[in-house]
Amino acid sequence: MQQSVVELKKATDIMPQEASAHNNLGLSLFENGDYHDAIDCYAKAIQLESQDGKDRNEENLSYYHKNRGLAFYHRNNVELGDIEMAKSDYDISIEKNPDNADNYFNRGNVNLTEGYFDRAHLDFDIAIDKDRMNAKYYHAKGLAF
């Protein structure tokens, strides 16, 4: 996986204004457990996709926020305040793409982690309504009970 990081870093060096290159580097760093650097890459992707004068792609922004939220969520055991940052990113991700069931699932997991079981149930219910065949949504809802 380290080779993936090396090659993707080259892509961001060659195309520093390409949001997707930074997001993809973040994905590889995330898979390597380097959540801090992954968060930085996702933030750069969000910043680039949000630049004035650029045709913003709301679906891309939703995806980049979801990815950063996951990195904050997984880094939560290390850094205080990450869980709130994860929740904020999931809220934005839902705002930008309310049809994506995983966005609700991820926010539901944050609510579950924080002990907000009613909120978690609502998010898991929305995820299930959007994708009734995804077992992980039912599993998470069961855990919320």
C-alpha atoms as a PDB file:
ATOM      1  CA  MET A   1       0.000   0.000   0.000  1.00  0.00           C
ATOM      2  CA  GLN A   2       2.949   2.343   0.550  1.00  0.00           C
ATOM      3  CA  GLN A   3       3.645   2.265  -3.190  1.00  0.00           C
ATOM      4  CA  SER A   4       0.123   3.559  -3.715  1.00  0.00           C
ATOM      5  CA  VAL A   5       0.883   6.571  -1.519  1.00  0.00           C
ATOM      6  CA  VAL A   6       4.137   7.226  -3.394  1.00  0.00           C
ATOM      7  CA  GLU A   7       2.469   7.145  -6.804  1.00  0.00           C
ATOM      8  CA  LEU A   8      -0.558   9.181  -5.732  1.00  0.00           C
ATOM      9  CA  LYS A   9       1.732  11.772  -4.165  1.00  0.00           C
ATOM     10  CA  LYS A  10       3.399  12.112  -7.564  1.00  0.00           C
ATOM     11  CA  ALA A  11      -0.039  12.730  -9.078  1.00  0.00           C
ATOM     12  CA  THR A  12      -0.736  15.567  -6.625  1.00  0.00           C
ATOM     13  CA  ASP A  13       2.703  17.035  -7.363  1.00  0.00           C
ATOM     14  CA  ILE A  14       2.008  16.980 -11.104  1.00  0.00           C
ATOM     15  CA  MET A  15      -1.647  18.119 -10.796  1.00  0.00           C
ATOM     16  CA  PRO A  16      -1.789  20.189  -7.587  1.00  0.00           C
ATOM     17  CA  GLN A  17      -5.121  21.798  -8.588  1.00  0.00           C
ATOM     18  CA  GLU A  18      -6.904  18.461  -9.201  1.00  0.00           C
ATOM     19  CA  ALA A  19      -9.232  17.811  -6.258  1.00  0.00           C
ATOM     20  CA  SER A  20      -9.717  14.137  -7.097  1.00  0.00           C
ATOM     21  CA  ALA A  21      -5.957  13.507  -6.942  1.00  0.00           C
ATOM     22  CA  HIS A  22      -5.844  14.812  -3.366  1.00  0.00           C
ATOM     23  CA  ASN A  23      -8.924  12.778  -2.453  1.00  0.00           C
ATOM     24  CA  ASN A  24      -7.374   9.606  -3.888  1.00  0.00           C
ATOM     25  CA  LEU A  25      -4.147  10.210  -1.974  1.00  0.00           C
ATOM     26  CA  GLY A  26      -6.300  10.637   1.131  1.00  0.00           C
ATOM     27  CA  LEU A  27      -7.993   7.299   0.451  1.00  0.00           C
ATOM     28  CA  SER A  28      -4.630   5.543   0.259  1.00  0.00           C
ATOM     29  CA  LEU A  29      -3.338   7.246   3.408  1.00  0.00           C
ATOM     30  CA  PHE A  30      -6.572   6.300   5.195  1.00  0.00           C
ATOM     31  CA  GLU A  31      -6.091   2.655   4.227  1.00  0.00           C
ATOM     32  CA  ASN A  32      -2.585   2.882   5.715  1.00  0.00           C
ATOM     33  CA  GLY A  33      -4.001   4.219   8.993  1.00  0.00           C
ATOM     34  CA  ASP A  34      -2.475   7.663   8.471  1.00  0.00           C
ATOM     35  CA  TYR A  35      -5.662   9.529   9.382  1.00  0.00           C
ATOM     36  CA  HIS A  36      -3.987  12.868  10.081  1.00  0.00           C
ATOM     37  CA  ASP A  37      -2.469  13.156   6.600  1.00  0.00           C
ATOM     38  CA  ALA A  38      -5.624  11.719   5.021  1.00  0.00           C
ATOM     39  CA  ILE A  39      -7.647  14.502   6.682  1.00  0.00           C
ATOM     40  CA  ASP A  40      -5.255  17.062   5.218  1.00  0.00           C
ATOM     41  CA  CYS A  41      -5.667  15.571   1.726  1.00  0.00           C
ATOM     42  CA  TYR A  42      -9.460  15.548   1.976  1.00  0.00           C
ATOM     43  CA  ALA A  43      -9.404  19.149   3.210  1.00  0.00           C
ATOM     44  CA  LYS A  44      -7.333  20.107   0.165  1.00  0.00           C
ATOM     45  CA  ALA A  45      -9.780  18.296  -2.135  1.00  0.00           C
ATOM     46  CA  ILE A  46     -12.704  20.131  -0.493  1.00  0.00           C
ATOM     47  CA  GLN A  47     -10.914  23.464  -0.798  1.00  0.00           C
ATOM     48  CA  LEU A  48     -10.089  22.906  -4.466  1.00  0.00           C
ATOM     49  CA  GLU A  49     -13.604  21.700  -5.347  1.00  0.00           C
ATOM     50  CA  SER A  50     -15.082  24.734  -3.569  1.00  0.00           C
ATOM     51  CA  GLN A  51     -12.929  27.402  -5.238  1.00  0.00           C
ATOM     52  CA  ASP A  52     -14.646  30.470  -6.608  1.00  0.00           C
ATOM     53  CA  GLY A  53     -15.032  30.382 -10.356  1.00  0.00           C
ATOM     54  CA  LYS A  54     -15.001  26.586 -10.476  1.00  0.00           C
ATOM     55  CA  ASP A  55     -18.088  24.622 -11.411  1.00  0.00           C
ATOM     56  CA  ARG A  56     -18.727  22.982  -8.067  1.00  0.00           C
ATOM     57  CA  ASN A  57     -19.673  19.347  -8.158  1.00  0.00           C
ATOM     58  CA  GLU A  58     -21.939  18.828  -5.145  1.00  0.00           C
ATOM     59  CA  GLU A  59     -21.644  15.045  -5.390  1.00  0.00           C
ATOM     60  CA  ASN A  60     -17.839  15.285  -5.290  1.00  0.00           C
ATOM     61  CA  LEU A  61     -18.023  17.652  -2.320  1.00  0.00           C
ATOM     62  CA  SER A  62     -20.357  15.234  -0.552  1.00  0.00           C
ATOM     63  CA  TYR A  63     -17.917  12.391  -1.204  1.00  0.00           C
ATOM     64  CA  TYR A  64     -14.884  14.354  -0.007  1.00  0.00           C
ATOM     65  CA  HIS A  65     -16.686  15.428   3.175  1.00  0.00           C
ATOM     66  CA  LYS A  66     -17.800  11.841   3.803  1.00  0.00           C
ATOM     67  CA  ASN A  67     -14.215  10.632   3.401  1.00  0.00           C
ATOM     68  CA  ARG A  68     -12.870  13.281   5.764  1.00  0.00           C
ATOM     69  CA  GLY A  69     -15.631  12.440   8.222  1.00  0.00           C
ATOM     70  CA  LEU A  70     -14.544   8.795   8.170  1.00  0.00           C
ATOM     71  CA  ALA A  71     -10.949   9.810   8.843  1.00  0.00           C
ATOM     72  CA  PHE A  72     -12.032  12.012  11.766  1.00  0.00           C
ATOM     73  CA  TYR A  73     -14.222   9.188  13.068  1.00  0.00           C
ATOM     74  CA  HIS A  74     -11.391   6.648  12.918  1.00  0.00           C
ATOM     75  CA  ARG A  75      -8.891   9.087  14.416  1.00  0.00           C
ATOM     76  CA  ASN A  76     -11.291   9.829  17.267  1.00  0.00           C
ATOM     77  CA  ASN A  77      -9.447   7.489  19.636  1.00  0.00           C
ATOM     78  CA  VAL A  78      -6.360   9.658  19.224  1.00  0.00           C
ATOM     79  CA  GLU A  79      -7.603  13.234  19.036  1.00  0.00           C
ATOM     80  CA  LEU A  80     -10.259  14.945  21.130  1.00  0.00           C
ATOM     81  CA  GLY A  81     -12.905  16.747  19.131  1.00  0.00           C
ATOM     82  CA  ASP A  82     -12.649  14.521  16.081  1.00  0.00           C
ATOM     83  CA  ILE A  83     -16.084  13.012  16.613  1.00  0.00           C
ATOM     84  CA  GLU A  84     -17.691  16.452  16.314  1.00  0.00           C
ATOM     85  CA  MET A  85     -15.675  17.168  13.184  1.00  0.00           C
ATOM     86  CA  ALA A  86     -16.813  13.832  11.743  1.00  0.00           C
ATOM     87  CA  LYS A  87     -20.437  14.677  12.488  1.00  0.00           C
ATOM     88  CA  SER A  88     -20.061  18.108  10.890  1.00  0.00           C
ATOM     89  CA  ASP A  89     -18.606  16.547   7.730  1.00  0.00           C
ATOM     90  CA  TYR A  90     -21.432  14.007   7.592  1.00  0.00           C
ATOM     91  CA  ASP A  91     -24.006  16.791   7.968  1.00  0.00           C
ATOM     92  CA  ILE A  92     -22.438  18.617   5.014  1.00  0.00           C
ATOM     93  CA  SER A  93     -22.226  15.387   3.037  1.00  0.00           C
ATOM     94  CA  ILE A  94     -25.954  14.793   3.579  1.00  0.00           C
ATOM     95  CA  GLU A  95     -26.742  18.397   2.623  1.00  0.00           C
ATOM     96  CA  LYS A  96     -24.779  18.028  -0.624  1.00  0.00           C
ATOM     97  CA  ASN A  97     -26.112  14.555  -1.492  1.00  0.00           C
ATOM     98  CA  PRO A  98     -29.222  13.610   0.513  1.00  0.00           C
ATOM     99  CA  ASP A  99     -29.802  10.497  -1.618  1.00  0.00           C
ATOM    100  CA  ASN A 100     -26.658   8.675  -0.455  1.00  0.00           C
ATOM    101  CA  ALA A 101     -27.618   6.113   2.195  1.00  0.00           C
ATOM    102  CA  ASP A 102     -24.046   5.738   3.459  1.00  0.00           C
ATOM    103  CA  ASN A 103     -24.015   9.377   4.544  1.00  0.00           C
ATOM    104  CA  TYR A 104     -26.865   8.674   6.983  1.00  0.00           C
ATOM    105  CA  PHE A 105     -25.281   5.407   8.076  1.00  0.00           C
ATOM    106  CA  ASN A 106     -22.020   7.187   8.894  1.00  0.00           C
ATOM    107  CA  ARG A 107     -23.763   9.955  10.830  1.00  0.00           C
ATOM    108  CA  GLY A 108     -25.797   7.297  12.623  1.00  0.00           C
ATOM    109  CA  ASN A 109     -22.562   5.660  13.746  1.00  0.00           C
ATOM    110  CA  VAL A 110     -21.381   8.961  15.206  1.00  0.00           C
ATOM    111  CA  ASN A 111     -24.679   9.347  17.051  1.00  0.00           C
ATOM    112  CA  LEU A 112     -24.390   5.767  18.279  1.00  0.00           C
ATOM    113  CA  THR A 113     -20.829   6.404  19.496  1.00  0.00           C
ATOM    114  CA  GLU A 114     -21.989   9.493  21.368  1.00  0.00           C
ATOM    115  CA  GLY A 115     -24.911   7.622  22.928  1.00  0.00           C
ATOM    116  CA  TYR A 116     -27.619   9.493  21.002  1.00  0.00           C
ATOM    117  CA  PHE A 117     -29.598   6.353  20.285  1.00  0.00           C
ATOM    118  CA  ASP A 118     -32.781   8.057  19.056  1.00  0.00           C
ATOM    119  CA  ARG A 119     -30.783  10.102  16.528  1.00  0.00           C
ATOM    120  CA  ALA A 120     -28.878   6.995  15.490  1.00  0.00           C
ATOM    121  CA  HIS A 121     -32.150   5.140  14.887  1.00  0.00           C
ATOM    122  CA  LEU A 122     -33.434   7.969  12.708  1.00  0.00           C
ATOM    123  CA  ASP A 123     -30.286   7.996  10.594  1.00  0.00           C
ATOM    124  CA  PHE A 124     -30.246   4.210  10.253  1.00  0.00           C
ATOM    125  CA  ASP A 125     -33.942   4.245   9.300  1.00  0.00           C
ATOM    126  CA  ILE A 126     -33.246   6.761   6.529  1.00  0.00           C
ATOM    127  CA  ALA A 127     -30.318   4.657   5.293  1.00  0.00           C
ATOM    128  CA  ILE A 128     -32.544   1.560   5.264  1.00  0.00           C
ATOM    129  CA  ASP A 129     -35.303   3.429   3.410  1.00  0.00           C
ATOM    130  CA  LYS A 130     -32.761   4.366   0.742  1.00  0.00           C
ATOM    131  CA  ASP A 131     -31.187   0.901   0.477  1.00  0.00           C
ATOM    132  CA  ARG A 132     -33.231  -1.930   1.959  1.00  0.00           C
ATOM    133  CA  MET A 133     -30.774  -4.628   0.900  1.00  0.00           C
ATOM    134  CA  ASN A 134     -27.722  -3.384   2.812  1.00  0.00           C
ATOM    135  CA  ALA A 135     -27.254  -5.642   5.830  1.00  0.00           C
ATOM    136  CA  LYS A 136     -24.843  -3.256   7.585  1.00  0.00           C
ATOM    137  CA  TYR A 137     -27.656  -0.724   8.030  1.00  0.00           C
ATOM    138  CA  TYR A 138     -29.834  -3.271   9.821  1.00  0.00           C
ATOM    139  CA  HIS A 139     -26.858  -4.437  11.856  1.00  0.00           C
ATOM    140  CA  ALA A 140     -26.147  -0.892  13.009  1.00  0.00           C
ATOM    141  CA  LYS A 141     -29.807  -0.286  13.845  1.00  0.00           C
ATOM    142  CA  GLY A 142     -29.812  -3.454  15.928  1.00  0.00           C
ATOM    143  CA  LEU A 143     -26.751  -2.206  17.820  1.00  0.00           C
ATOM    144  CA  ALA A 144     -28.529   1.078  18.512  1.00  0.00           C
ATOM    145  CA  PHE A 145     -31.162  -0.804  20.507  1.00  0.00           C
END
